[in-house]
Amino acid sequence: MIDSYFSIAAHTVRLSLPDGWEWEELLPSFLPFKSTVPPDGKWMCSVEVRTEQLQADLSGVKLLAEEREMLGDSLKLYQKGNSYVADLRITPDGDTYRMVCNRTFAEAQAYIGKTGQASADALRGFLMFVYAQSAVLCRTAMLHASVVIKDGKGYAFLGKSGTGKSTHSSLWLKTFEDAELLNDDNPVIRLEEDDKVYIYGSPWSGKTPCYRNLRVPLEAYVRLEQAPVNVFIHKEGLAAFVDLLPSCSAMRWDGYLYSALCDLVQECTTRVEAGYLKCLPNEEAARMCYNELTKKNI
């Protein structure tokens, strides 16, 4: 096995591949995040890729979730004792890939078969899943959001798929000359030792190839809703909490992990501006959003 290391939101991830496998070919989006063995020899999570199918007796085990279009065509997650088993299928008629993880998702073994595009997609999905779960115990969470940087600060746009997160980000890029895209689908937020919330780019960015190993302070997050007019509503307290929590990637059915996630979200709501934007896909919406969040004239 050959070990490689990556730094994502300043957390080390170890990937162990069979001899002869090249992670650069399987995971090109991870290139900006290539790292070395941490000085203390520790990492947040580790995924070991196996070439043989991982066996697991699923008779009588608990099916926790069955999702479609989450990481591929379908994902089934089972709990077996103190471990989890994830079965992933990328395409409807494709192979099933399996991953077995410990309780905290710090250690995982994954079967992805031979090298190829489907296997690469499965490995990338498994790494994202493991990272998102293990990170919450380190005051870190992956968001389903599109993020732009302006004035050296991050602005995250939240909402269900199809709400217009990417569209709103593109409007900021068009409206403000100094705006730039950080990540278009799966950025990472982290509450750090200075008690400030930062947002990072990641190797996962949906359909937009934006893989930036960069950190900026998170200035605000805004949940979007398509509407016939542009209306901005400031949020705080419980309302801000409720708007942020659904966009965080962590297992709701694991009380240990979910409690850590809720604590993190609560802390974020006290440190970051929050808003709700009912909007049209126009530049006026981008200007209104920025003005309301910063109370500055453009």
Protein backbone atom coordinates (compact mmCIF):
# COMPACT_ATOMS: atom_id res chain seq x y z
CA MET A 1 0.00 0.00 0.00
CA ILE A 2 1.13 3.55 -0.75
CA ASP A 3 0.03 6.36 1.58
CA SER A 4 -0.76 9.89 0.42
CA TYR A 5 -1.82 12.84 2.56
CA PHE A 6 -4.07 15.81 1.96
CA SER A 7 -4.82 18.92 3.98
CA ILE A 8 -8.48 19.97 3.75
CA ALA A 9 -9.53 22.86 6.01
CA ALA A 10 -6.19 22.27 7.77
CA HIS A 11 -7.21 18.69 8.69
CA THR A 12 -5.06 15.85 7.43
CA VAL A 13 -6.64 13.03 5.43
CA ARG A 14 -4.69 9.86 4.71
CA LEU A 15 -5.39 7.79 1.59
CA SER A 16 -3.86 4.32 1.21
CA LEU A 17 -3.88 2.90 -2.32
CA PRO A 18 -2.70 -0.45 -3.67
CA ASP A 19 0.75 -0.54 -5.24
CA GLY A 20 0.66 0.77 -8.80
CA TRP A 21 -2.42 2.93 -8.33
CA GLU A 22 -1.92 6.67 -8.90
CA TRP A 23 -4.10 9.01 -6.86
CA GLU A 24 -3.35 11.87 -9.30
CA GLU A 25 -5.22 9.97 -12.00
CA LEU A 26 -8.14 9.02 -9.77
CA LEU A 27 -8.45 12.32 -7.88
CA PRO A 28 -7.13 15.28 -9.92
CA SER A 29 -9.21 17.72 -7.85
CA PHE A 30 -7.09 16.77 -4.82
CA LEU A 31 -3.87 18.12 -6.34
CA PRO A 32 -4.06 21.56 -4.64
CA PHE A 33 -4.56 19.80 -1.30
CA LYS A 34 -1.54 17.48 -1.46
CA SER A 35 0.28 17.47 1.84
CA THR A 36 2.88 15.51 3.79
CA VAL A 37 2.81 13.36 6.88
CA PRO A 38 1.81 15.66 9.78
CA PRO A 39 4.59 16.34 12.31
CA ASP A 40 2.69 14.52 15.03
CA GLY A 41 2.00 11.55 12.75
CA LYS A 42 -1.76 11.90 13.25
CA TRP A 43 -4.60 12.47 10.81
CA MET A 44 -8.28 13.24 11.17
CA CYS A 45 -9.47 10.39 8.97
CA SER A 46 -8.05 7.63 6.83
CA VAL A 47 -9.39 5.62 3.89
CA GLU A 48 -7.68 2.41 2.79
CA VAL A 49 -8.63 1.15 -0.67
CA ARG A 50 -8.94 -2.60 -1.11
CA THR A 51 -8.92 -4.45 -4.41
CA GLU A 52 -11.02 -7.32 -3.07
CA GLN A 53 -14.72 -7.01 -2.27
CA LEU A 54 -15.33 -6.27 1.41
CA GLN A 55 -17.55 -8.91 2.94
CA ALA A 56 -20.18 -7.96 5.49
CA ASP A 57 -23.11 -9.95 6.79
CA LEU A 58 -26.00 -7.51 6.44
CA SER A 59 -28.67 -9.90 7.58
CA GLY A 60 -30.54 -8.38 10.49
CA VAL A 61 -28.51 -5.17 10.49
CA LYS A 62 -30.17 -1.76 10.66
CA LEU A 63 -30.65 0.19 7.42
CA LEU A 64 -30.10 3.79 8.48
CA ALA A 65 -30.58 5.59 5.19
CA GLU A 66 -31.17 5.06 1.51
CA GLU A 67 -30.40 8.10 -0.58
CA ARG A 68 -30.54 8.71 -4.31
CA GLU A 69 -28.45 11.28 -6.15
CA MET A 70 -26.41 11.94 -3.01
CA LEU A 71 -23.05 10.60 -4.15
CA GLY A 72 -24.21 8.63 -7.17
CA ASP A 73 -27.28 6.72 -8.28
CA SER A 74 -27.89 5.33 -4.80
CA LEU A 75 -26.30 5.06 -1.36
CA LYS A 76 -27.38 2.65 1.35
CA LEU A 77 -25.98 3.06 4.84
CA TYR A 78 -26.16 0.31 7.45
CA GLN A 79 -25.16 0.14 11.09
CA LYS A 80 -23.48 -3.06 12.22
CA GLY A 81 -22.49 -3.01 15.87
CA ASN A 82 -20.01 -0.18 16.33
CA SER A 83 -19.33 0.19 12.64
CA TYR A 84 -21.07 1.48 9.52
CA VAL A 85 -21.33 -0.10 6.08
CA ALA A 86 -22.00 2.05 3.01
CA ASP A 87 -22.97 0.55 -0.35
CA LEU A 88 -22.70 2.95 -3.26
CA ARG A 89 -23.78 2.59 -6.88
CA ILE A 90 -22.67 5.33 -9.28
CA THR A 91 -24.94 4.41 -12.20
CA PRO A 92 -28.23 2.45 -12.24
CA ASP A 93 -26.69 -0.56 -13.96
CA GLY A 94 -23.19 -0.17 -12.53
CA ASP A 95 -21.18 -2.01 -9.91
CA THR A 96 -21.77 -1.61 -6.19
CA TYR A 97 -18.88 -0.21 -4.18
CA ARG A 98 -18.61 -0.83 -0.45
CA MET A 99 -17.00 1.01 2.45
CA VAL A 100 -16.76 -0.08 6.10
CA CYS A 101 -16.12 2.61 8.74
CA ASN A 102 -15.63 2.75 12.48
CA ARG A 103 -18.02 4.64 14.77
CA THR A 104 -16.38 8.06 14.33
CA PHE A 105 -15.48 7.58 10.64
CA ALA A 106 -11.83 8.14 11.51
CA GLU A 107 -10.87 4.82 9.89
CA ALA A 108 -12.43 3.29 6.77
CA GLN A 109 -11.76 0.57 4.24
CA ALA A 110 -13.23 0.95 0.77
CA TYR A 111 -13.62 -1.40 -2.16
CA ILE A 112 -13.76 0.37 -5.52
CA GLY A 113 -12.71 -2.41 -7.87
CA LYS A 114 -10.45 -1.58 -10.77
CA THR A 115 -9.28 1.89 -11.69
CA GLY A 116 -11.61 3.78 -14.01
CA GLN A 117 -14.01 6.73 -14.05
CA ALA A 118 -16.80 5.06 -12.06
CA SER A 119 -14.30 3.82 -9.47
CA ALA A 120 -12.76 7.29 -9.26
CA ASP A 121 -16.21 8.80 -8.69
CA ALA A 122 -16.91 6.24 -5.98
CA LEU A 123 -13.62 6.92 -4.20
CA ARG A 124 -14.15 10.68 -4.35
CA GLY A 125 -17.65 10.21 -2.92
CA PHE A 126 -16.45 7.91 -0.14
CA LEU A 127 -13.70 10.36 0.84
CA MET A 128 -16.23 13.20 1.01
CA PHE A 129 -18.59 11.13 3.13
CA VAL A 130 -15.88 10.08 5.59
CA TYR A 131 -14.48 13.59 5.80
CA ALA A 132 -17.87 15.20 6.42
CA GLN A 133 -18.69 12.85 9.31
CA SER A 134 -15.33 12.82 11.06
CA ALA A 135 -14.89 16.59 10.75
CA VAL A 136 -17.77 17.50 13.08
CA LEU A 137 -15.78 16.17 16.04
CA CYS A 138 -13.12 18.77 15.15
CA ARG A 139 -15.47 21.79 15.12
CA THR A 140 -15.65 21.55 11.34
CA ALA A 141 -18.52 20.97 8.92
CA MET A 142 -18.97 20.58 5.19
CA LEU A 143 -21.66 22.78 3.68
CA HIS A 144 -23.88 22.33 0.66
CA ALA A 145 -23.35 25.88 -0.56
CA SER A 146 -21.82 28.16 -3.15
CA VAL A 147 -19.26 30.63 -1.79
CA VAL A 148 -17.78 33.84 -3.12
CA ILE A 149 -14.99 35.94 -1.69
CA LYS A 150 -15.33 39.73 -1.57
CA ASP A 151 -13.25 42.19 0.44
CA GLY A 152 -11.21 39.20 1.62
CA LYS A 153 -14.27 37.63 3.30
CA GLY A 154 -16.48 34.68 2.46
CA TYR A 155 -20.20 34.81 1.68
CA ALA A 156 -21.99 31.44 1.54
CA PHE A 157 -25.27 30.96 -0.31
CA LEU A 158 -27.45 28.10 0.88
CA GLY A 159 -30.56 26.40 -0.43
CA LYS A 160 -32.00 23.23 -1.87
CA SER A 161 -30.72 21.95 -5.21
CA GLY A 162 -32.12 24.10 -7.99
CA THR A 163 -32.66 27.13 -5.76
CA GLY A 164 -30.07 29.18 -7.62
CA LYS A 165 -26.98 29.12 -5.40
CA SER A 166 -24.56 28.98 -8.33
CA THR A 167 -26.59 31.57 -10.22
CA HIS A 168 -26.45 33.99 -7.30
CA SER A 169 -22.69 33.46 -6.95
CA SER A 170 -22.25 34.18 -10.67
CA LEU A 171 -24.25 37.40 -10.20
CA TRP A 172 -21.82 38.51 -7.48
CA LEU A 173 -18.89 37.73 -9.79
CA LYS A 174 -20.52 39.81 -12.53
CA THR A 175 -21.58 42.68 -10.28
CA PHE A 176 -18.45 43.14 -8.15
CA GLU A 177 -15.05 43.36 -9.83
CA ASP A 178 -13.19 42.09 -6.77
CA ALA A 179 -15.47 39.06 -6.17
CA GLU A 180 -14.12 35.57 -6.82
CA LEU A 181 -15.45 32.04 -6.45
CA LEU A 182 -14.12 29.92 -3.58
CA ASN A 183 -16.21 26.78 -4.07
CA ASP A 184 -19.48 26.07 -5.85
CA ASP A 185 -20.91 23.11 -3.96
CA ASN A 186 -19.07 21.75 -0.91
CA PRO A 187 -17.00 24.29 1.03
CA VAL A 188 -15.93 23.62 4.62
CA ILE A 189 -16.50 25.82 7.67
CA ARG A 190 -14.35 25.60 10.77
CA LEU A 191 -14.52 27.24 14.19
CA GLU A 192 -10.87 27.76 15.04
CA GLU A 193 -8.85 28.39 18.17
CA ASP A 194 -9.29 32.17 17.88
CA ASP A 195 -13.07 31.56 18.15
CA LYS A 196 -13.60 32.88 14.62
CA VAL A 197 -15.38 30.99 11.85
CA TYR A 198 -13.46 30.44 8.63
CA ILE A 199 -14.55 28.94 5.33
CA TYR A 200 -12.30 26.82 3.12
CA GLY A 201 -12.29 25.53 -0.41
CA SER A 202 -12.33 21.76 -0.88
CA PRO A 203 -11.66 19.06 -3.51
CA TRP A 204 -15.42 18.75 -4.00
CA SER A 205 -17.16 21.50 -5.97
CA GLY A 206 -20.05 19.88 -7.82
CA LYS A 207 -20.19 20.54 -11.56
CA THR A 208 -17.94 23.61 -11.32
CA PRO A 209 -14.21 22.79 -11.32
CA CYS A 210 -13.18 25.19 -8.54
CA TYR A 211 -10.73 23.43 -6.20
CA ARG A 212 -8.96 26.06 -4.12
CA ASN A 213 -6.92 25.32 -1.02
CA LEU A 214 -7.75 28.68 0.50
CA ARG A 215 -9.14 30.00 3.80
CA VAL A 216 -11.03 33.25 4.44
CA PRO A 217 -13.16 34.48 7.36
CA LEU A 218 -16.83 33.62 6.92
CA GLU A 219 -18.61 36.97 6.95
CA ALA A 220 -22.15 35.73 6.32
CA TYR A 221 -24.40 32.96 5.07
CA VAL A 222 -27.67 33.53 3.23
CA ARG A 223 -30.44 31.05 2.44
CA LEU A 224 -31.97 31.69 -0.97
CA GLU A 225 -35.52 31.37 -2.24
CA GLN A 226 -36.69 32.12 -5.77
CA ALA A 227 -39.33 34.87 -5.78
CA PRO A 228 -40.92 37.46 -8.09
CA VAL A 229 -39.33 40.30 -6.09
CA ASN A 230 -36.08 40.86 -4.15
CA VAL A 231 -36.55 40.88 -0.37
CA PHE A 232 -33.82 40.47 2.26
CA ILE A 233 -34.59 39.33 5.81
CA HIS A 234 -31.99 39.39 8.59
CA LYS A 235 -31.86 36.27 10.75
CA GLU A 236 -30.52 35.60 14.23
CA GLY A 237 -30.91 33.15 17.09
CA LEU A 238 -33.01 30.08 16.42
CA ALA A 239 -34.01 31.30 12.96
CA ALA A 240 -30.35 31.56 11.96
CA PHE A 241 -29.67 28.10 13.41
CA VAL A 242 -32.56 26.54 11.48
CA ASP A 243 -31.34 28.09 8.22
CA LEU A 244 -27.77 26.79 8.57
CA LEU A 245 -28.25 23.29 9.99
CA PRO A 246 -29.93 21.64 6.95
CA SER A 247 -26.99 22.62 4.73
CA CYS A 248 -24.41 20.86 6.93
CA SER A 249 -23.33 17.37 5.92
CA ALA A 250 -23.46 15.07 8.94
CA MET A 251 -25.50 12.05 10.00
CA ARG A 252 -28.64 13.00 11.89
CA TRP A 253 -29.20 9.44 13.12
CA ASP A 254 -25.93 9.25 15.07
CA GLY A 255 -26.59 11.14 18.30
CA TYR A 256 -22.88 11.56 19.07
CA LEU A 257 -22.03 13.18 15.74
CA TYR A 258 -25.28 15.10 15.48
CA SER A 259 -24.82 16.65 18.92
CA ALA A 260 -21.35 17.85 17.92
CA LEU A 261 -22.78 19.31 14.71
CA CYS A 262 -25.55 21.18 16.55
CA ASP A 263 -23.02 22.64 18.99
CA LEU A 264 -20.90 23.85 16.06
CA VAL A 265 -23.87 25.39 14.22
CA GLN A 266 -24.99 27.14 17.41
CA GLU A 267 -21.54 28.67 17.84
CA CYS A 268 -21.47 29.78 14.20
CA THR A 269 -24.79 31.60 14.49
CA THR A 270 -23.39 33.79 17.27
CA ARG A 271 -20.33 34.78 15.21
CA VAL A 272 -21.55 35.08 11.63
CA GLU A 273 -24.17 37.29 9.98
CA ALA A 274 -27.17 35.39 8.63
CA GLY A 275 -29.89 36.29 6.16
CA TYR A 276 -32.71 35.00 3.99
CA LEU A 277 -32.99 36.33 0.45
CA LYS A 278 -36.10 36.01 -1.67
CA CYS A 279 -34.80 36.94 -5.05
CA LEU A 280 -34.86 37.18 -8.80
CA PRO A 281 -31.78 36.10 -10.79
CA ASN A 282 -30.59 39.65 -11.37
CA GLU A 283 -27.80 42.00 -10.31
CA GLU A 284 -30.15 43.96 -8.09
CA ALA A 285 -30.48 40.89 -5.87
CA ALA A 286 -26.69 40.64 -5.54
CA ARG A 287 -26.38 44.33 -4.66
CA MET A 288 -29.22 44.16 -2.15
CA CYS A 289 -27.70 41.10 -0.48
CA TYR A 290 -24.28 42.71 -0.15
CA ASN A 291 -25.67 46.03 1.07
CA GLU A 292 -27.85 44.41 3.72
CA LEU A 293 -25.02 42.23 5.02
CA THR A 294 -22.44 45.00 5.17
CA LYS A 295 -24.59 48.15 5.42
CA LYS A 296 -22.27 49.81 2.92
CA ASN A 297 -23.02 51.68 -0.26
CA ILE A 298 -21.51 50.23 -3.37
